[in-house]
Amino acid sequence: MLTRIPPRVRALLILSILILIAPMLFPSSFYYRIGTLIFINSIAVIGLVILIGYAGQISLGHAGFSGIGAYACALAPTHLGLPPFLSLILGAVISGLLAWFVGRPILRLKGHYLAVATLGLGMLISMVLNNEAQFTGGPDGMMVASLGLTKGLEGLFDVNLKTSVVWYWFAGVMVLLGAWIALNLYNSPTGRVLRSLHDSEIAAKTVGADVARYKLVAFVISAVYASIAGSMLALFNRFITPDIASFLHSVELVTMTVLGGAGSVLGGIAGATLLTALPQVLTVFHEYEHVMLGLIMMLVMIFMRDGLLPTLRKTLTRRAIA
């Protein structure tokens, strides 16, 4: 029955079911917070799936765009008087424009040259956020205004709601929206051109594709995704530091993408789920937590080279045929 459903609809249906049934397994409201963090990371990872999995371009500075989105939500309400949600949109617009402006020259590079160039961009944004203490609070960070989700719903339905629960459903809807856009992009004319770039830029150029333009499109879209994720994290935590734009966070996002399966939206979400939730599970190992996390990541990358979800899908398909 499921095989008759179009793949993108099937993926969204599976994701919706998982979002709906997961709270039934939560023993406390703390797990709503973990679920929200998974969804926020998933939004950034979906953007990287478009850039890395579809277009075959690498970025090691994408956390910089998350930092722009986060600090837009911290600074715009204070200095511009914008509501938090409009600040989120402002951050996405600024990130998209910066990605377009910077991406035009750096996306002409390839391989490790491109990786180093994007790394430099991310480090530059992180340095600005750390050093401009009079605006950003420097390394100490700054408070962020509330999005007001809980207050609005309590006034509408006259019920007492916990912030983590409301944010879980809000972030779940946002990740569904982000996945829907990425899945529809996959088989669109633009998506087919992006996937042709992943296989061979020379072949794509031979058949008339504007390689530079489409690489820039993927870079801008992924930057907007990262900015929205950063804004949501700032609004959820009500506090932000420049660590959100750090190189380590960029590497973490890329690792999530590759670990789950860079060519798959659901795979990227699986990678985000694994790397967000696993440290909570491994706390039972105390001082060996990071060792265990590194070991699990190494084993997945060695024995599941296509990523977690694509490898599992291939294994199940082979067994079904056998």
Protein backbone atom coordinates (compact mmCIF):
# COMPACT_ATOMS: atom_id res chain seq x y z
CA MET A 1 0.00 0.00 0.00
CA LEU A 2 2.78 2.43 0.98
CA THR A 3 4.62 1.70 -2.28
CA ARG A 4 1.79 3.36 -4.23
CA ILE A 5 2.28 6.65 -2.36
CA PRO A 6 4.73 9.11 -3.98
CA PRO A 7 8.11 9.04 -2.19
CA ARG A 8 7.96 12.65 -0.96
CA VAL A 9 4.44 12.15 0.44
CA ARG A 10 5.53 8.89 2.06
CA ALA A 11 8.51 10.61 3.68
CA LEU A 12 6.34 13.41 5.06
CA LEU A 13 3.78 10.89 6.29
CA ILE A 14 6.45 8.89 8.13
CA LEU A 15 7.91 12.05 9.65
CA SER A 16 4.46 13.28 10.74
CA ILE A 17 3.65 9.95 12.40
CA LEU A 18 6.98 9.94 14.27
CA ILE A 19 6.40 13.49 15.52
CA LEU A 20 2.88 12.59 16.70
CA ILE A 21 3.71 9.33 18.48
CA ALA A 22 7.05 10.33 20.06
CA PRO A 23 5.41 12.22 23.00
CA MET A 24 3.63 8.99 23.98
CA LEU A 25 7.07 7.60 24.88
CA PHE A 26 8.26 10.65 26.84
CA PRO A 27 8.49 9.92 30.59
CA SER A 28 8.75 13.64 31.48
CA SER A 29 8.50 17.12 29.97
CA PHE A 30 12.32 17.25 29.74
CA TYR A 31 12.10 15.01 26.69
CA TYR A 32 9.98 17.62 24.94
CA ARG A 33 13.02 19.88 25.19
CA ILE A 34 15.25 17.21 23.62
CA GLY A 35 12.68 16.72 20.87
CA THR A 36 12.60 20.45 20.19
CA LEU A 37 16.41 20.60 19.94
CA ILE A 38 16.30 17.65 17.52
CA PHE A 39 13.83 19.50 15.30
CA ILE A 40 15.83 22.74 15.40
CA ASN A 41 19.04 20.94 14.43
CA SER A 42 17.10 19.05 11.76
CA ILE A 43 16.08 22.32 10.09
CA ALA A 44 19.74 23.36 9.71
CA VAL A 45 20.65 19.86 8.53
CA ILE A 46 17.91 19.84 5.86
CA GLY A 47 19.55 22.95 4.41
CA LEU A 48 22.88 21.13 4.32
CA VAL A 49 21.23 18.13 2.65
CA ILE A 50 20.28 20.50 -0.18
CA LEU A 51 23.82 21.91 -0.36
CA ILE A 52 25.88 18.75 0.24
CA GLY A 53 23.53 15.92 -0.74
CA TYR A 54 21.83 17.54 -3.72
CA ALA A 55 24.45 19.94 -5.11
CA GLY A 56 27.60 18.22 -3.83
CA GLN A 57 29.08 21.39 -2.29
CA ILE A 58 30.71 21.45 1.16
CA SER A 59 30.44 24.19 3.78
CA LEU A 60 32.37 24.25 7.05
CA GLY A 61 31.10 27.65 8.13
CA HIS A 62 27.35 27.19 8.09
CA ALA A 63 27.04 27.81 11.83
CA GLY A 64 27.86 31.43 11.00
CA PHE A 65 24.43 31.79 9.38
CA SER A 66 22.85 30.24 12.47
CA GLY A 67 24.65 32.93 14.49
CA ILE A 68 23.23 35.67 12.26
CA GLY A 69 19.71 34.33 12.73
CA ALA A 70 20.15 33.98 16.48
CA TYR A 71 21.55 37.47 17.03
CA ALA A 72 18.93 38.99 14.74
CA CYS A 73 16.31 37.75 17.21
CA ALA A 74 18.37 39.13 20.12
CA LEU A 75 19.22 42.56 18.65
CA ALA A 76 16.30 43.51 16.38
CA PRO A 77 13.62 43.69 19.13
CA THR A 78 15.94 45.86 21.25
CA HIS A 79 17.37 48.22 18.63
CA LEU A 80 14.71 48.18 15.89
CA GLY A 81 11.59 47.43 17.92
CA LEU A 82 10.69 44.45 15.74
CA PRO A 83 8.57 41.57 17.10
CA PRO A 84 10.55 38.33 17.57
CA PHE A 85 8.93 36.55 14.61
CA LEU A 86 9.74 39.43 12.25
CA SER A 87 13.28 39.37 13.65
CA LEU A 88 13.49 35.71 12.60
CA ILE A 89 12.48 36.70 9.06
CA LEU A 90 14.98 39.58 9.10
CA GLY A 91 17.78 37.20 10.10
CA ALA A 92 16.85 34.82 7.27
CA VAL A 93 16.87 37.70 4.75
CA ILE A 94 20.27 38.96 5.96
CA SER A 95 21.71 35.44 5.84
CA GLY A 96 20.35 34.88 2.34
CA LEU A 97 21.78 38.18 1.08
CA LEU A 98 25.17 37.52 2.69
CA ALA A 99 25.25 34.00 1.22
CA TRP A 100 24.43 35.43 -2.21
CA PHE A 101 27.08 38.16 -1.95
CA VAL A 102 29.86 35.93 -0.56
CA GLY A 103 28.86 32.80 -2.46
CA ARG A 104 29.40 34.34 -5.89
CA PRO A 105 33.21 34.33 -5.59
CA ILE A 106 33.81 31.42 -3.21
CA LEU A 107 31.57 28.92 -5.02
CA ARG A 108 33.92 29.13 -7.99
CA LEU A 109 36.30 27.12 -5.82
CA LYS A 110 36.17 23.34 -5.56
CA GLY A 111 37.02 20.61 -3.09
CA HIS A 112 39.09 21.55 -0.06
CA TYR A 113 39.54 25.12 -1.36
CA LEU A 114 35.78 25.65 -1.07
CA ALA A 115 35.78 24.04 2.39
CA VAL A 116 38.51 26.41 3.61
CA ALA A 117 36.76 29.46 2.12
CA THR A 118 33.46 28.63 3.87
CA LEU A 119 35.40 27.90 7.06
CA GLY A 120 36.90 31.39 6.86
CA LEU A 121 33.44 32.93 6.44
CA GLY A 122 32.11 31.11 9.51
CA MET A 123 35.13 32.09 11.60
CA LEU A 124 34.80 35.72 10.54
CA ILE A 125 31.15 35.83 11.68
CA SER A 126 32.09 34.14 14.96
CA MET A 127 34.90 36.67 15.56
CA VAL A 128 32.54 39.61 14.98
CA LEU A 129 29.99 38.18 17.44
CA ASN A 130 32.72 37.64 20.05
CA ASN A 131 34.50 40.98 19.66
CA GLU A 132 31.60 43.43 19.23
CA ALA A 133 30.68 43.15 22.90
CA GLN A 134 28.86 46.50 23.01
CA PHE A 135 26.21 45.04 20.68
CA THR A 136 26.38 41.26 21.14
CA GLY A 137 27.48 40.94 24.77
CA GLY A 138 30.70 39.29 23.62
CA PRO A 139 31.53 35.77 24.90
CA ASP A 140 29.04 36.23 27.76
CA GLY A 141 26.13 36.30 25.33
CA MET A 142 22.82 38.10 25.74
CA MET A 143 19.15 37.57 26.55
CA VAL A 144 16.58 37.02 23.81
CA ALA A 145 12.95 38.13 23.82
CA SER A 146 10.25 35.46 24.04
CA LEU A 147 8.34 34.45 20.94
CA GLY A 148 5.18 34.36 23.08
CA LEU A 149 3.87 31.01 21.85
CA THR A 150 2.75 29.78 25.27
CA LYS A 151 1.07 33.03 26.26
CA GLY A 152 -0.84 33.24 22.99
CA LEU A 153 -2.13 29.67 23.16
CA GLU A 154 -3.06 29.93 26.85
CA GLY A 155 -5.12 33.02 26.11
CA LEU A 156 -6.78 31.30 23.14
CA PHE A 157 -7.63 27.97 24.78
CA ASP A 158 -7.66 29.00 28.47
CA VAL A 159 -5.27 26.18 29.48
CA ASN A 160 -1.93 26.05 31.30
CA LEU A 161 0.77 24.95 28.88
CA LYS A 162 4.45 24.21 29.46
CA THR A 163 6.85 26.09 27.20
CA SER A 164 8.77 22.96 26.16
CA VAL A 165 5.56 21.21 25.07
CA VAL A 166 4.39 24.14 22.93
CA TRP A 167 7.83 24.53 21.39
CA TYR A 168 7.92 20.81 20.56
CA TRP A 169 4.82 21.12 18.38
CA PHE A 170 5.87 24.45 16.88
CA ALA A 171 9.34 23.10 15.96
CA GLY A 172 7.72 19.91 14.65
CA VAL A 173 5.54 21.93 12.27
CA MET A 174 8.57 23.96 11.16
CA VAL A 175 10.65 20.85 10.43
CA LEU A 176 7.73 19.38 8.45
CA LEU A 177 7.55 22.60 6.43
CA GLY A 178 11.30 22.56 5.82
CA ALA A 179 11.22 18.88 4.80
CA TRP A 180 8.26 19.51 2.47
CA ILE A 181 10.15 22.28 0.65
CA ALA A 182 13.31 20.16 0.32
CA LEU A 183 11.43 17.06 -0.86
CA ASN A 184 9.53 19.05 -3.48
CA LEU A 185 12.79 20.63 -4.60
CA TYR A 186 14.34 17.17 -5.17
CA ASN A 187 12.36 16.32 -8.33
CA SER A 188 11.81 19.89 -9.52
CA PRO A 189 13.80 21.21 -12.52
CA THR A 190 16.09 23.07 -10.10
CA GLY A 191 16.56 19.95 -7.99
CA ARG A 192 17.46 17.84 -11.03
CA VAL A 193 20.09 20.39 -12.03
CA LEU A 194 21.51 20.43 -8.48
CA ARG A 195 21.77 16.63 -8.47
CA SER A 196 23.51 16.73 -11.84
CA LEU A 197 26.11 19.06 -10.29
CA HIS A 198 26.69 16.48 -7.56
CA ASP A 199 27.48 13.81 -10.16
CA SER A 200 29.54 15.93 -12.56
CA GLU A 201 29.77 19.69 -12.95
CA ILE A 202 31.39 19.24 -16.36
CA ALA A 203 28.51 17.10 -17.61
CA ALA A 204 25.97 19.56 -16.24
CA LYS A 205 27.74 22.45 -17.96
CA THR A 206 27.88 20.46 -21.21
CA VAL A 207 24.08 20.15 -21.36
CA GLY A 208 23.67 23.89 -20.76
CA ALA A 209 23.23 24.20 -16.98
CA ASP A 210 24.39 27.47 -15.43
CA VAL A 211 26.62 25.77 -12.84
CA ALA A 212 27.61 28.91 -10.92
CA ARG A 213 23.99 30.08 -10.64
CA TYR A 214 22.62 26.79 -9.33
CA LYS A 215 25.46 26.32 -6.84
CA LEU A 216 24.65 29.80 -5.55
CA VAL A 217 20.94 28.92 -5.28
CA ALA A 218 21.75 25.87 -3.14
CA PHE A 219 24.10 27.91 -0.95
CA VAL A 220 21.53 30.66 -0.36
CA ILE A 221 18.71 28.20 0.43
CA SER A 222 20.89 26.29 2.90
CA ALA A 223 21.96 29.58 4.56
CA VAL A 224 18.31 30.54 5.09
CA TYR A 225 17.60 27.15 6.67
CA ALA A 226 20.59 27.57 9.02
CA SER A 227 19.51 31.10 9.95
CA ILE A 228 15.96 29.98 10.81
CA ALA A 229 17.37 27.16 12.96
CA GLY A 230 19.63 29.63 14.79
CA SER A 231 16.73 32.02 15.37
CA MET A 232 14.55 29.24 16.73
CA LEU A 233 17.30 28.07 19.08
CA ALA A 234 17.75 31.61 20.42
CA LEU A 235 14.01 32.11 20.90
CA PHE A 236 13.64 28.71 22.54
CA ASN A 237 16.54 29.10 25.02
CA ARG A 238 15.86 32.85 25.58
CA PHE A 239 19.65 33.29 25.71
CA ILE A 240 22.40 33.09 23.12
CA THR A 241 26.23 33.10 22.99
CA PRO A 242 28.66 33.25 20.04
CA ASP A 243 29.20 29.48 20.41
CA ILE A 244 26.26 28.99 18.06
CA ALA A 245 28.46 30.38 15.24
CA SER A 246 31.58 28.43 16.20
CA PHE A 247 33.57 26.12 13.93
CA LEU A 248 32.71 23.16 16.18
CA HIS A 249 28.99 23.77 15.64
CA SER A 250 29.56 23.88 11.87
CA VAL A 251 31.37 20.54 12.04
CA GLU A 252 28.57 19.14 14.20
CA LEU A 253 25.96 20.10 11.59
CA VAL A 254 27.99 18.59 8.73
CA THR A 255 28.53 15.42 10.79
CA MET A 256 24.78 15.10 11.39
CA THR A 257 24.17 15.47 7.66
CA VAL A 258 26.75 12.90 6.56
CA LEU A 259 26.05 10.48 9.40
CA GLY A 260 22.36 10.16 8.60
CA GLY A 261 22.78 10.20 4.82
CA ALA A 262 23.56 13.44 2.99
CA GLY A 263 21.38 12.64 -0.02
CA SER A 264 18.24 11.99 2.03
CA VAL A 265 16.07 14.47 3.92
CA LEU A 266 14.90 11.78 6.33
CA GLY A 267 18.50 10.60 6.61
CA GLY A 268 19.63 14.07 7.62
CA ILE A 269 16.88 14.22 10.25
CA ALA A 270 17.96 10.77 11.49
CA GLY A 271 21.54 12.04 11.83
CA ALA A 272 20.35 15.12 13.73
CA THR A 273 18.28 12.88 16.01
CA LEU A 274 21.20 10.57 16.69
CA LEU A 275 23.77 13.25 17.50
CA THR A 276 21.34 15.36 19.54
CA ALA A 277 19.81 12.54 21.60
CA LEU A 278 22.79 10.20 21.94
CA PRO A 279 24.82 12.38 24.34
CA GLN A 280 21.81 12.34 26.70
CA VAL A 281 21.74 8.54 26.58
CA LEU A 282 25.50 8.19 27.04
CA THR A 283 25.60 10.24 30.23
CA VAL A 284 25.43 6.89 32.09
CA PHE A 285 29.06 6.33 31.02
CA HIS A 286 30.10 9.55 32.84
CA GLU A 287 33.69 10.43 31.86
CA TYR A 288 33.64 7.96 28.93
CA GLU A 289 30.67 9.69 27.29
CA HIS A 290 32.69 11.39 24.53
CA VAL A 291 34.72 8.24 23.89
CA MET A 292 31.55 6.21 23.38
CA LEU A 293 30.03 8.89 21.15
CA GLY A 294 33.15 8.99 18.98
CA LEU A 295 33.26 5.19 18.78
CA ILE A 296 29.63 4.97 17.66
CA MET A 297 30.22 7.64 15.00
CA MET A 298 33.30 5.80 13.71
CA LEU A 299 31.45 2.49 13.49
CA VAL A 300 28.54 4.07 11.61
CA MET A 301 30.87 5.76 9.10
CA ILE A 302 32.95 2.59 8.60
CA PHE A 303 30.11 0.10 8.18
CA MET A 304 27.43 2.48 6.83
CA ARG A 305 29.32 4.60 4.32
CA ASP A 306 26.17 5.89 2.58
CA GLY A 307 24.81 7.09 5.91
CA LEU A 308 22.58 5.54 8.51
CA LEU A 309 19.18 5.64 6.80
CA PRO A 310 20.22 4.86 3.18
CA THR A 311 22.23 1.84 4.39
CA LEU A 312 19.32 0.52 6.45
CA ARG A 313 16.97 1.03 3.48
CA LYS A 314 19.28 -0.91 1.13
CA THR A 315 19.67 -3.73 3.65
CA LEU A 316 15.91 -4.08 4.12
CA THR A 317 15.35 -3.96 0.34
CA ARG A 318 17.89 -6.75 -0.26
CA ARG A 319 16.29 -8.91 2.41
CA ALA A 320 12.81 -8.32 0.97
CA ILE A 321 14.02 -9.39 -2.50
CA ALA A 322 15.79 -12.45 -1.06
